[in-house]
Every structure is written in structure tokens, then in C-alpha cells.
Amino acid sequence: MSVASPPPQPPSYEYPPPQQSASTNAIVSLVLGILSFFCCPLFAPVAWFLASQELKAVQAGSSPPASEGIAKAGLIVGIIGTVYMGLVFLWFFFLGGMAMLSAFAHQ
């Protein structure tokens, strides 16, 4: 008579911890930065501010590290949008934009 050996143990799998999602401020800053190019340039400084606050929160450890990349993208897009908005306002008020609009209005 042979002794039955116990069934083999199933392999132990170690699952990685779940990924933390990016914070809401990082996502909002990126969305506002993108929208500043298409509909409202005034969103760009808001995106810049939110992204810089989020990057400070990530460095302080109060925000998940997963939001750092999105916050950096929001910061870059916010800076570019703010510069673009400044150039548009400069052209509109000082370099002839108003003159062109008044010429079109009097035709």
C-alpha cells in the first residue's frame, strides 16, 4: 500500500498594488490648458496656477505621485496658452487689431 501525498499547493501570486489615479486638480489643469487654445484663452492662467499648486502638493507628499506627469503637462500647456493670450491681447489693443476691426465696421 502506498501513502498518498497531499496535493501540491497552488502557486502564490503576488499582485502589484493598485495604481493610484491622478488627482482632480492635475486633470482639470490639463483640460483647461487644452481648452484655452480652442475656446477661451482666459483658462490658460488658471491651468498654470492649478498645475503649479498640484506639483507643489506632489512634492509635499499630499497628492499621489501619479498626478505629477499630468500636472507637468498642464503647467506647460498653461504657460504656452498664457503667452499666446498675452500676444493676442497685445496685438488686439496695441498693434492694430482695433484699427482693423473699425475698418471692417465702417465698410
PDB file of N, CA and C in Angstrom:
ATOM      1  N   MET A   1       0.819  -1.155   0.000  1.00  0.00           N
ATOM      2  CA  MET A   1       0.000   0.000   0.000  1.00  0.00           C
ATOM      3  C   MET A   1       0.886   1.249   0.000  1.00  0.00           C
ATOM      4  N   SER A   2       0.618   2.185  -0.854  1.00  0.00           N
ATOM      5  CA  SER A   2       1.426   3.395  -0.911  1.00  0.00           C
ATOM      6  C   SER A   2       0.712   4.534  -0.169  1.00  0.00           C
ATOM      7  N   VAL A   3       1.533   5.390   0.345  1.00  0.00           N
ATOM      8  CA  VAL A   3       0.984   6.524   1.099  1.00  0.00           C
ATOM      9  C   VAL A   3       0.700   7.643   0.096  1.00  0.00           C
ATOM     10  N   ALA A   4      -0.506   8.159   0.155  1.00  0.00           N
ATOM     11  CA  ALA A   4      -0.892   9.243  -0.755  1.00  0.00           C
ATOM     12  C   ALA A   4      -0.284  10.556  -0.273  1.00  0.00           C
ATOM     13  N   SER A   5       0.361  11.232  -1.199  1.00  0.00           N
ATOM     14  CA  SER A   5       0.945  12.522  -0.833  1.00  0.00           C
ATOM     15  C   SER A   5      -0.136  13.612  -0.955  1.00  0.00           C
ATOM     16  N   PRO A   6      -0.009  14.649  -0.166  1.00  0.00           N
ATOM     17  CA  PRO A   6      -1.012  15.714  -0.243  1.00  0.00           C
ATOM     18  C   PRO A   6      -0.922  16.419  -1.600  1.00  0.00           C
ATOM     19  N   PRO A   7      -2.024  16.956  -2.046  1.00  0.00           N
ATOM     20  CA  PRO A   7      -1.987  17.652  -3.342  1.00  0.00           C
ATOM     21  C   PRO A   7      -1.041  18.848  -3.283  1.00  0.00           C
ATOM     22  N   PRO A   8      -0.432  19.176  -4.401  1.00  0.00           N
ATOM     23  CA  PRO A   8       0.514  20.308  -4.392  1.00  0.00           C
ATOM     24  C   PRO A   8      -0.229  21.621  -4.127  1.00  0.00           C
ATOM     25  N   GLN A   9       0.465  22.512  -3.465  1.00  0.00           N
ATOM     26  CA  GLN A   9      -0.118  23.824  -3.173  1.00  0.00           C
ATOM     27  C   GLN A   9      -0.119  24.663  -4.453  1.00  0.00           C
ATOM     28  N   PRO A  10      -1.191  25.406  -4.652  1.00  0.00           N
ATOM     29  CA  PRO A  10      -1.190  26.291  -5.831  1.00  0.00           C
ATOM     30  C   PRO A  10      -0.121  27.365  -5.664  1.00  0.00           C
ATOM     31  N   PRO A  11       0.422  27.832  -6.769  1.00  0.00           N
ATOM     32  CA  PRO A  11       1.471  28.850  -6.668  1.00  0.00           C
ATOM     33  C   PRO A  11       0.910  30.137  -6.049  1.00  0.00           C
ATOM     34  N   SER A  12       1.731  30.780  -5.304  1.00  0.00           N
ATOM     35  CA  SER A  12       1.334  32.026  -4.669  1.00  0.00           C
ATOM     36  C   SER A  12       1.677  33.180  -5.607  1.00  0.00           C
ATOM     37  N   TYR A  13       0.675  33.916  -5.949  1.00  0.00           N
ATOM     38  CA  TYR A  13       0.879  35.075  -6.817  1.00  0.00           C
ATOM     39  C   TYR A  13       0.853  36.333  -5.972  1.00  0.00           C
ATOM     40  N   GLU A  14       1.808  37.182  -6.229  1.00  0.00           N
ATOM     41  CA  GLU A  14       1.808  38.468  -5.549  1.00  0.00           C
ATOM     42  C   GLU A  14       1.373  39.507  -6.562  1.00  0.00           C
ATOM     43  N   TYR A  15       0.266  40.096  -6.265  1.00  0.00           N
ATOM     44  CA  TYR A  15      -0.275  41.097  -7.158  1.00  0.00           C
ATOM     45  C   TYR A  15       0.299  42.463  -6.801  1.00  0.00           C
ATOM     46  N   PRO A  16       0.599  43.260  -7.814  1.00  0.00           N
ATOM     47  CA  PRO A  16       1.102  44.601  -7.511  1.00  0.00           C
ATOM     48  C   PRO A  16      -0.016  45.435  -6.886  1.00  0.00           C
ATOM     49  N   PRO A  17       0.349  46.401  -6.094  1.00  0.00           N
ATOM     50  CA  PRO A  17      -0.691  47.249  -5.506  1.00  0.00           C
ATOM     51  C   PRO A  17      -1.411  48.024  -6.614  1.00  0.00           C
ATOM     52  N   PRO A  18      -2.664  48.351  -6.403  1.00  0.00           N
ATOM     53  CA  PRO A  18      -3.391  49.074  -7.444  1.00  0.00           C
ATOM     54  C   PRO A  18      -2.765  50.437  -7.703  1.00  0.00           C
ATOM     55  N   GLN A  19      -2.789  50.824  -8.956  1.00  0.00           N
ATOM     56  CA  GLN A  19      -2.227  52.114  -9.338  1.00  0.00           C
ATOM     57  C   GLN A  19      -3.092  53.235  -8.781  1.00  0.00           C
ATOM     58  N   GLN A  20      -2.440  54.249  -8.268  1.00  0.00           N
ATOM     59  CA  GLN A  20      -3.179  55.414  -7.819  1.00  0.00           C
ATOM     60  C   GLN A  20      -3.485  56.273  -9.035  1.00  0.00           C
ATOM     61  N   SER A  21      -4.673  56.790  -9.077  1.00  0.00           N
ATOM     62  CA  SER A  21      -5.035  57.633 -10.214  1.00  0.00           C
ATOM     63  C   SER A  21      -4.579  59.068  -9.941  1.00  0.00           C
ATOM     64  N   ALA A  22      -4.531  59.829 -11.000  1.00  0.00           N
ATOM     65  CA  ALA A  22      -4.110  61.219 -10.886  1.00  0.00           C
ATOM     66  C   ALA A  22      -5.186  62.019 -10.162  1.00  0.00           C
ATOM     67  N   SER A  23      -4.767  63.075  -9.535  1.00  0.00           N
ATOM     68  CA  SER A  23      -5.714  63.900  -8.781  1.00  0.00           C
ATOM     69  C   SER A  23      -6.570  64.728  -9.726  1.00  0.00           C
ATOM     70  N   THR A  24      -7.649  65.223  -9.184  1.00  0.00           N
ATOM     71  CA  THR A  24      -8.593  66.010  -9.977  1.00  0.00           C
ATOM     72  C   THR A  24      -7.963  67.320 -10.435  1.00  0.00           C
ATOM     73  N   ASN A  25      -7.168  67.954  -9.581  1.00  0.00           N
ATOM     74  CA  ASN A  25      -6.543  69.223  -9.970  1.00  0.00           C
ATOM     75  C   ASN A  25      -5.606  69.061 -11.153  1.00  0.00           C
ATOM     76  N   ALA A  26      -4.883  67.965 -11.210  1.00  0.00           N
ATOM     77  CA  ALA A  26      -3.972  67.743 -12.335  1.00  0.00           C
ATOM     78  C   ALA A  26      -4.759  67.577 -13.633  1.00  0.00           C
ATOM     79  N   ILE A  27      -5.826  66.810 -13.570  1.00  0.00           N
ATOM     80  CA  ILE A  27      -6.631  66.585 -14.767  1.00  0.00           C
ATOM     81  C   ILE A  27      -7.320  67.874 -15.205  1.00  0.00           C
ATOM     82  N   VAL A  28      -7.851  68.629 -14.249  1.00  0.00           N
ATOM     83  CA  VAL A  28      -8.528  69.883 -14.578  1.00  0.00           C
ATOM     84  C   VAL A  28      -7.546  70.874 -15.188  1.00  0.00           C
ATOM     85  N   SER A  29      -6.332  70.928 -14.677  1.00  0.00           N
ATOM     86  CA  SER A  29      -5.347  71.862 -15.232  1.00  0.00           C
ATOM     87  C   SER A  29      -5.011  71.514 -16.677  1.00  0.00           C
ATOM     88  N   LEU A  30      -4.888  70.234 -16.972  1.00  0.00           N
ATOM     89  CA  LEU A  30      -4.603  69.844 -18.352  1.00  0.00           C
ATOM     90  C   LEU A  30      -5.781  70.148 -19.268  1.00  0.00           C
ATOM     91  N   VAL A  31      -6.984  69.859 -18.817  1.00  0.00           N
ATOM     92  CA  VAL A  31      -8.176  70.127 -19.636  1.00  0.00           C
ATOM     93  C   VAL A  31      -8.335  71.629 -19.877  1.00  0.00           C
ATOM     94  N   LEU A  32      -8.162  72.430 -18.832  1.00  0.00           N
ATOM     95  CA  LEU A  32      -8.276  73.881 -19.015  1.00  0.00           C
ATOM     96  C   LEU A  32      -7.188  74.424 -19.932  1.00  0.00           C
ATOM     97  N   GLY A  33      -5.993  73.879 -19.828  1.00  0.00           N
ATOM     98  CA  GLY A  33      -4.923  74.317 -20.719  1.00  0.00           C
ATOM     99  C   GLY A  33      -5.224  74.010 -22.171  1.00  0.00           C
ATOM    100  N   ILE A  34      -5.790  72.841 -22.430  1.00  0.00           N
ATOM    101  CA  ILE A  34      -6.148  72.493 -23.810  1.00  0.00           C
ATOM    102  C   ILE A  34      -7.308  73.350 -24.292  1.00  0.00           C
ATOM    103  N   LEU A  35      -8.300  73.557 -23.435  1.00  0.00           N
ATOM    104  CA  LEU A  35      -9.446  74.383 -23.826  1.00  0.00           C
ATOM    105  C   LEU A  35      -9.061  75.832 -24.078  1.00  0.00           C
ATOM    106  N   SER A  36      -7.979  76.278 -23.452  1.00  0.00           N
ATOM    107  CA  SER A  36      -7.570  77.672 -23.651  1.00  0.00           C
ATOM    108  C   SER A  36      -7.148  77.947 -25.091  1.00  0.00           C
ATOM    109  N   PHE A  37      -6.757  76.926 -25.811  1.00  0.00           N
ATOM    110  CA  PHE A  37      -6.383  77.120 -27.209  1.00  0.00           C
ATOM    111  C   PHE A  37      -7.597  77.172 -28.123  1.00  0.00           C
ATOM    112  N   PHE A  38      -8.680  76.543 -27.735  1.00  0.00           N
ATOM    113  CA  PHE A  38      -9.810  76.390 -28.644  1.00  0.00           C
ATOM    114  C   PHE A  38     -10.985  77.307 -28.345  1.00  0.00           C
ATOM    115  N   CYS A  39     -11.234  77.631 -27.083  1.00  0.00           N
ATOM    116  CA  CYS A  39     -12.444  78.418 -26.842  1.00  0.00           C
ATOM    117  C   CYS A  39     -12.222  79.652 -25.978  1.00  0.00           C
ATOM    118  N   CYS A  40     -11.432  79.575 -24.935  1.00  0.00           N
ATOM    119  CA  CYS A  40     -11.291  80.719 -24.032  1.00  0.00           C
ATOM    120  C   CYS A  40      -9.853  80.826 -23.538  1.00  0.00           C
ATOM    121  N   PRO A  41      -9.102  81.787 -24.041  1.00  0.00           N
ATOM    122  CA  PRO A  41      -7.704  81.916 -23.615  1.00  0.00           C
ATOM    123  C   PRO A  41      -7.551  82.270 -22.134  1.00  0.00           C
ATOM    124  N   LEU A  42      -8.611  82.742 -21.500  1.00  0.00           N
ATOM    125  CA  LEU A  42      -8.516  83.085 -20.081  1.00  0.00           C
ATOM    126  C   LEU A  42      -8.382  81.861 -19.188  1.00  0.00           C
ATOM    127  N   PHE A  43      -8.590  80.667 -19.737  1.00  0.00           N
ATOM    128  CA  PHE A  43      -8.400  79.438 -18.976  1.00  0.00           C
ATOM    129  C   PHE A  43      -6.921  79.128 -18.749  1.00  0.00           C
ATOM    130  N   ALA A  44      -6.047  79.668 -19.582  1.00  0.00           N
ATOM    131  CA  ALA A  44      -4.622  79.319 -19.532  1.00  0.00           C
ATOM    132  C   ALA A  44      -3.962  79.699 -18.205  1.00  0.00           C
ATOM    133  N   PRO A  45      -4.136  80.928 -17.699  1.00  0.00           N
ATOM    134  CA  PRO A  45      -3.506  81.228 -16.403  1.00  0.00           C
ATOM    135  C   PRO A  45      -4.074  80.386 -15.260  1.00  0.00           C
ATOM    136  N   VAL A  46      -5.348  80.031 -15.348  1.00  0.00           N
ATOM    137  CA  VAL A  46      -5.951  79.179 -14.318  1.00  0.00           C
ATOM    138  C   VAL A  46      -5.307  77.791 -14.367  1.00  0.00           C
ATOM    139  N   ALA A  47      -5.093  77.281 -15.572  1.00  0.00           N
ATOM    140  CA  ALA A  47      -4.441  75.981 -15.728  1.00  0.00           C
ATOM    141  C   ALA A  47      -3.018  76.023 -15.184  1.00  0.00           C
ATOM    142  N   TRP A  48      -2.318  77.093 -15.461  1.00  0.00           N
ATOM    143  CA  TRP A  48      -0.949  77.266 -14.970  1.00  0.00           C
ATOM    144  C   TRP A  48      -0.933  77.259 -13.447  1.00  0.00           C
ATOM    145  N   PHE A  49      -1.844  77.998 -12.830  1.00  0.00           N
ATOM    146  CA  PHE A  49      -1.904  78.080 -11.376  1.00  0.00           C
ATOM    147  C   PHE A  49      -2.248  76.726 -10.753  1.00  0.00           C
ATOM    148  N   LEU A  50      -3.276  76.055 -11.284  1.00  0.00           N
ATOM    149  CA  LEU A  50      -3.668  74.758 -10.735  1.00  0.00           C
ATOM    150  C   LEU A  50      -2.553  73.726 -10.854  1.00  0.00           C
ATOM    151  N   ALA A  51      -1.873  73.726 -11.988  1.00  0.00           N
ATOM    152  CA  ALA A  51      -0.790  72.763 -12.198  1.00  0.00           C
ATOM    153  C   ALA A  51       0.377  73.030 -11.254  1.00  0.00           C
ATOM    154  N   SER A  52       0.704  74.293 -11.041  1.00  0.00           N
ATOM    155  CA  SER A  52       1.818  74.584 -10.132  1.00  0.00           C
ATOM    156  C   SER A  52       1.454  74.210  -8.693  1.00  0.00           C
ATOM    157  N   GLN A  53       0.206  74.428  -8.300  1.00  0.00           N
ATOM    158  CA  GLN A  53      -0.231  74.022  -6.961  1.00  0.00           C
ATOM    159  C   GLN A  53      -0.200  72.501  -6.814  1.00  0.00           C
ATOM    160  N   GLU A  54      -0.585  71.800  -7.873  1.00  0.00           N
ATOM    161  CA  GLU A  54      -0.581  70.339  -7.819  1.00  0.00           C
ATOM    162  C   GLU A  54       0.843  69.789  -7.751  1.00  0.00           C
ATOM    163  N   LEU A  55       1.767  70.385  -8.479  1.00  0.00           N
ATOM    164  CA  LEU A  55       3.159  69.936  -8.412  1.00  0.00           C
ATOM    165  C   LEU A  55       3.740  70.158  -7.019  1.00  0.00           C
ATOM    166  N   LYS A  56       3.373  71.266  -6.379  1.00  0.00           N
ATOM    167  CA  LYS A  56       3.824  71.502  -5.001  1.00  0.00           C
ATOM    168  C   LYS A  56       3.230  70.455  -4.063  1.00  0.00           C
ATOM    169  N   ALA A  57       1.971  70.074  -4.298  1.00  0.00           N
ATOM    170  CA  ALA A  57       1.329  69.063  -3.460  1.00  0.00           C
ATOM    171  C   ALA A  57       1.972  67.697  -3.650  1.00  0.00           C
ATOM    172  N   VAL A  58       2.386  67.378  -4.873  1.00  0.00           N
ATOM    173  CA  VAL A  58       3.059  66.101  -5.125  1.00  0.00           C
ATOM    174  C   VAL A  58       4.408  66.086  -4.421  1.00  0.00           C
ATOM    175  N   GLN A  59       5.142  67.177  -4.496  1.00  0.00           N
ATOM    176  CA  GLN A  59       6.441  67.240  -3.837  1.00  0.00           C
ATOM    177  C   GLN A  59       6.310  67.184  -2.321  1.00  0.00           C
ATOM    178  N   ALA A  60       5.212  67.731  -1.789  1.00  0.00           N
ATOM    179  CA  ALA A  60       4.987  67.692  -0.345  1.00  0.00           C
ATOM    180  C   ALA A  60       4.484  66.335   0.120  1.00  0.00           C
ATOM    181  N   GLY A  61       4.017  65.501  -0.808  1.00  0.00           N
ATOM    182  CA  GLY A  61       3.547  64.180  -0.463  1.00  0.00           C
ATOM    183  C   GLY A  61       2.061  64.107  -0.158  1.00  0.00           C
ATOM    184  N   SER A  62       1.336  65.204  -0.337  1.00  0.00           N
ATOM    185  CA  SER A  62      -0.092  65.194  -0.042  1.00  0.00           C
ATOM    186  C   SER A  62      -0.946  64.843  -1.247  1.00  0.00           C
ATOM    187  N   SER A  63      -0.328  64.624  -2.379  1.00  0.00           N
ATOM    188  CA  SER A  63      -1.044  64.250  -3.598  1.00  0.00           C
ATOM    189  C   SER A  63      -0.343  63.025  -4.193  1.00  0.00           C
ATOM    190  N   PRO A  64      -1.077  62.170  -4.892  1.00  0.00           N
ATOM    191  CA  PRO A  64      -0.439  60.946  -5.414  1.00  0.00           C
ATOM    192  C   PRO A  64       0.629  61.261  -6.461  1.00  0.00           C
ATOM    193  N   PRO A  65       1.697  60.484  -6.484  1.00  0.00           N
ATOM    194  CA  PRO A  65       2.760  60.714  -7.472  1.00  0.00           C
ATOM    195  C   PRO A  65       2.309  60.499  -8.904  1.00  0.00           C
ATOM    196  N   ALA A  66       1.209  59.790  -9.107  1.00  0.00           N
ATOM    197  CA  ALA A  66       0.721  59.541 -10.469  1.00  0.00           C
ATOM    198  C   ALA A  66       0.252  60.816 -11.141  1.00  0.00           C
ATOM    199  N   SER A  67      -0.037  61.855 -10.379  1.00  0.00           N
ATOM    200  CA  SER A  67      -0.534  63.087 -10.989  1.00  0.00           C
ATOM    201  C   SER A  67       0.586  64.031 -11.404  1.00  0.00           C
ATOM    202  N   GLU A  68       1.828  63.650 -11.156  1.00  0.00           N
ATOM    203  CA  GLU A  68       2.937  64.557 -11.480  1.00  0.00           C
ATOM    204  C   GLU A  68       3.068  64.797 -12.981  1.00  0.00           C
ATOM    205  N   GLY A  69       2.980  63.745 -13.781  1.00  0.00           N
ATOM    206  CA  GLY A  69       3.125  63.900 -15.228  1.00  0.00           C
ATOM    207  C   GLY A  69       2.009  64.721 -15.843  1.00  0.00           C
ATOM    208  N   ILE A  70       0.801  64.476 -15.409  1.00  0.00           N
ATOM    209  CA  ILE A  70      -0.334  65.235 -15.938  1.00  0.00           C
ATOM    210  C   ILE A  70      -0.246  66.693 -15.494  1.00  0.00           C
ATOM    211  N   ALA A  71       0.195  66.922 -14.260  1.00  0.00           N
ATOM    212  CA  ALA A  71       0.343  68.295 -13.774  1.00  0.00           C
ATOM    213  C   ALA A  71       1.433  69.032 -14.544  1.00  0.00           C
ATOM    214  N   LYS A  72       2.523  68.336 -14.868  1.00  0.00           N
ATOM    215  CA  LYS A  72       3.577  68.978 -15.673  1.00  0.00           C
ATOM    216  C   LYS A  72       3.068  69.332 -17.065  1.00  0.00           C
ATOM    217  N   ALA A  73       2.277  68.435 -17.656  1.00  0.00           N
ATOM    218  CA  ALA A  73       1.698  68.729 -18.970  1.00  0.00           C
ATOM    219  C   ALA A  73       0.746  69.914 -18.874  1.00  0.00           C
ATOM    220  N   GLY A  74      -0.065  69.966 -17.822  1.00  0.00           N
ATOM    221  CA  GLY A  74      -0.961  71.106 -17.617  1.00  0.00           C
ATOM    222  C   GLY A  74      -0.193  72.394 -17.417  1.00  0.00           C
ATOM    223  N   LEU A  75       0.931  72.320 -16.708  1.00  0.00           N
ATOM    224  CA  LEU A  75       1.767  73.502 -16.491  1.00  0.00           C
ATOM    225  C   LEU A  75       2.327  74.018 -17.809  1.00  0.00           C
ATOM    226  N   ILE A  76       2.851  73.121 -18.623  1.00  0.00           N
ATOM    227  CA  ILE A  76       3.443  73.531 -19.908  1.00  0.00           C
ATOM    228  C   ILE A  76       2.385  74.115 -20.823  1.00  0.00           C
ATOM    229  N   VAL A  77       1.244  73.447 -20.926  1.00  0.00           N
ATOM    230  CA  VAL A  77       0.176  73.942 -21.795  1.00  0.00           C
ATOM    231  C   VAL A  77      -0.361  75.272 -21.258  1.00  0.00           C
ATOM    232  N   GLY A  78      -0.454  75.414 -19.926  1.00  0.00           N
ATOM    233  CA  GLY A  78      -0.908  76.668 -19.338  1.00  0.00           C
ATOM    234  C   GLY A  78       0.045  77.816 -19.609  1.00  0.00           C
ATOM    235  N   ILE A  79       1.348  77.551 -19.538  1.00  0.00           N
ATOM    236  CA  ILE A  79       2.335  78.597 -19.830  1.00  0.00           C
ATOM    237  C   ILE A  79       2.259  79.003 -21.291  1.00  0.00           C
ATOM    238  N   ILE A  80       2.205  78.034 -22.189  1.00  0.00           N
ATOM    239  CA  ILE A  80       2.120  78.344 -23.624  1.00  0.00           C
ATOM    240  C   ILE A  80       0.832  79.112 -23.921  1.00  0.00           C
ATOM    241  N   GLY A  81      -0.275  78.684 -23.326  1.00  0.00           N
ATOM    242  CA  GLY A  81      -1.546  79.375 -23.535  1.00  0.00           C
ATOM    243  C   GLY A  81      -1.539  80.787 -22.987  1.00  0.00           C
ATOM    244  N   THR A  82      -0.866  81.013 -21.856  1.00  0.00           N
ATOM    245  CA  THR A  82      -0.784  82.350 -21.285  1.00  0.00           C
ATOM    246  C   THR A  82       0.044  83.273 -22.171  1.00  0.00           C
ATOM    247  N   VAL A  83       1.150  82.763 -22.685  1.00  0.00           N
ATOM    248  CA  VAL A  83       1.971  83.565 -23.608  1.00  0.00           C
ATOM    249  C   VAL A  83       1.176  83.883 -24.872  1.00  0.00           C
ATOM    250  N   TYR A  84       0.465  82.895 -25.389  1.00  0.00           N
ATOM    251  CA  TYR A  84      -0.371  83.110 -26.578  1.00  0.00           C
ATOM    252  C   TYR A  84      -1.445  84.157 -26.292  1.00  0.00           C
ATOM    253  N   MET A  85      -2.086  84.071 -25.136  1.00  0.00           N
ATOM    254  CA  MET A  85      -3.118  85.036 -24.775  1.00  0.00           C
ATOM    255  C   MET A  85      -2.528  86.442 -24.671  1.00  0.00           C
ATOM    256  N   GLY A  86      -1.348  86.556 -24.090  1.00  0.00           N
ATOM    257  CA  GLY A  86      -0.696  87.858 -23.990  1.00  0.00           C
ATOM    258  C   GLY A  86      -0.379  88.445 -25.356  1.00  0.00           C
ATOM    259  N   LEU A  87       0.093  87.612 -26.267  1.00  0.00           N
ATOM    260  CA  LEU A  87       0.392  88.102 -27.616  1.00  0.00           C
ATOM    261  C   LEU A  87      -0.870  88.525 -28.357  1.00  0.00           C
ATOM    262  N   VAL A  88      -1.944  87.781 -28.178  1.00  0.00           N
ATOM    263  CA  VAL A  88      -3.209  88.144 -28.828  1.00  0.00           C
ATOM    264  C   VAL A  88      -3.724  89.468 -28.277  1.00  0.00           C
ATOM    265  N   PHE A  89      -3.695  89.637 -26.958  1.00  0.00           N
ATOM    266  CA  PHE A  89      -4.148  90.897 -26.384  1.00  0.00           C
ATOM    267  C   PHE A  89      -3.241  92.047 -26.797  1.00  0.00           C
ATOM    268  N   LEU A  90      -1.955  91.828 -26.866  1.00  0.00           N
ATOM    269  CA  LEU A  90      -1.016  92.861 -27.313  1.00  0.00           C
ATOM    270  C   LEU A  90      -1.331  93.284 -28.735  1.00  0.00           C
ATOM    271  N   TRP A  91      -1.545  92.336 -29.607  1.00  0.00           N
ATOM    272  CA  TRP A  91      -1.879  92.660 -30.996  1.00  0.00           C
ATOM    273  C   TRP A  91      -3.218  93.372 -31.066  1.00  0.00           C
ATOM    274  N   PHE A  92      -4.184  92.885 -30.334  1.00  0.00           N
ATOM    275  CA  PHE A  92      -5.533  93.416 -30.431  1.00  0.00           C
ATOM    276  C   PHE A  92      -5.597  94.864 -29.967  1.00  0.00           C
ATOM    277  N   PHE A  93      -4.934  95.193 -28.856  1.00  0.00           N
ATOM    278  CA  PHE A  93      -5.071  96.528 -28.299  1.00  0.00           C
ATOM    279  C   PHE A  93      -3.996  97.513 -28.745  1.00  0.00           C
ATOM    280  N   PHE A  94      -2.823  97.045 -29.122  1.00  0.00           N
ATOM    281  CA  PHE A  94      -1.741  97.988 -29.386  1.00  0.00           C
ATOM    282  C   PHE A  94      -1.184  97.933 -30.805  1.00  0.00           C
ATOM    283  N   LEU A  95      -1.311  96.856 -31.490  1.00  0.00           N
ATOM    284  CA  LEU A  95      -0.629  96.734 -32.777  1.00  0.00           C
ATOM    285  C   LEU A  95      -1.574  96.740 -33.967  1.00  0.00           C
ATOM    286  N   GLY A  96      -2.746  97.272 -33.835  1.00  0.00           N
ATOM    287  CA  GLY A  96      -3.598  97.451 -34.991  1.00  0.00           C
ATOM    288  C   GLY A  96      -4.810  96.563 -35.065  1.00  0.00           C
ATOM    289  N   GLY A  97      -5.019  95.740 -34.121  1.00  0.00           N
ATOM    290  CA  GLY A  97      -6.197  94.888 -34.167  1.00  0.00           C
ATOM    291  C   GLY A  97      -7.485  95.682 -34.098  1.00  0.00           C
ATOM    292  N   MET A  98      -7.520  96.696 -33.240  1.00  0.00           N
ATOM    293  CA  MET A  98      -8.710  97.545 -33.135  1.00  0.00           C
ATOM    294  C   MET A  98      -8.903  98.348 -34.413  1.00  0.00           C
ATOM    295  N   ALA A  99      -7.820  98.816 -35.032  1.00  0.00           N
ATOM    296  CA  ALA A  99      -7.928  99.574 -36.274  1.00  0.00           C
ATOM    297  C   ALA A  99      -8.512  98.712 -37.384  1.00  0.00           C
ATOM    298  N   MET A 100      -8.081  97.447 -37.441  1.00  0.00           N
ATOM    299  CA  MET A 100      -8.634  96.555 -38.464  1.00  0.00           C
ATOM    300  C   MET A 100     -10.118  96.306 -38.225  1.00  0.00           C
ATOM    301  N   LEU A 101     -10.501  96.119 -36.982  1.00  0.00           N
ATOM    302  CA  LEU A 101     -11.906  95.894 -36.690  1.00  0.00           C
ATOM    303  C   LEU A 101     -12.755  97.119 -36.996  1.00  0.00           C
ATOM    304  N   SER A 102     -12.242  98.321 -36.710  1.00  0.00           N
ATOM    305  CA  SER A 102     -13.010  99.518 -37.019  1.00  0.00           C
ATOM    306  C   SER A 102     -13.093  99.738 -38.526  1.00  0.00           C
ATOM    307  N   ALA A 103     -12.061  99.367 -39.250  1.00  0.00           N
ATOM    308  CA  ALA A 103     -12.117  99.490 -40.711  1.00  0.00           C
ATOM    309  C   ALA A 103     -13.151  98.528 -41.292  1.00  0.00           C
ATOM    310  N   PHE A 104     -13.239  97.344 -40.744  1.00  0.00           N
ATOM    311  CA  PHE A 104     -14.254  96.401 -41.216  1.00  0.00           C
ATOM    312  C   PHE A 104     -15.662  96.873 -40.849  1.00  0.00           C
ATOM    313  N   ALA A 105     -15.788  97.565 -39.731  1.00  0.00           N
ATOM    314  CA  ALA A 105     -17.106  98.031 -39.269  1.00  0.00           C
ATOM    315  C   ALA A 105     -17.617  99.181 -40.120  1.00  0.00           C
ATOM    316  N   HIS A 106     -16.751  99.981 -40.707  1.00  0.00           N
ATOM    317  CA  HIS A 106     -17.161 101.142 -41.489  1.00  0.00           C
ATOM    318  C   HIS A 106     -17.329 100.831 -42.975  1.00  0.00           C
ATOM    319  N   GLN A 107     -17.210  99.625 -43.359  1.00  0.00           N
ATOM    320  CA  GLN A 107     -17.362  99.307 -44.791  1.00  0.00           C
ATOM    321  C   GLN A 107     -18.805  99.056 -45.122  1.00  0.00           C
TER     322      GLN A 107
END
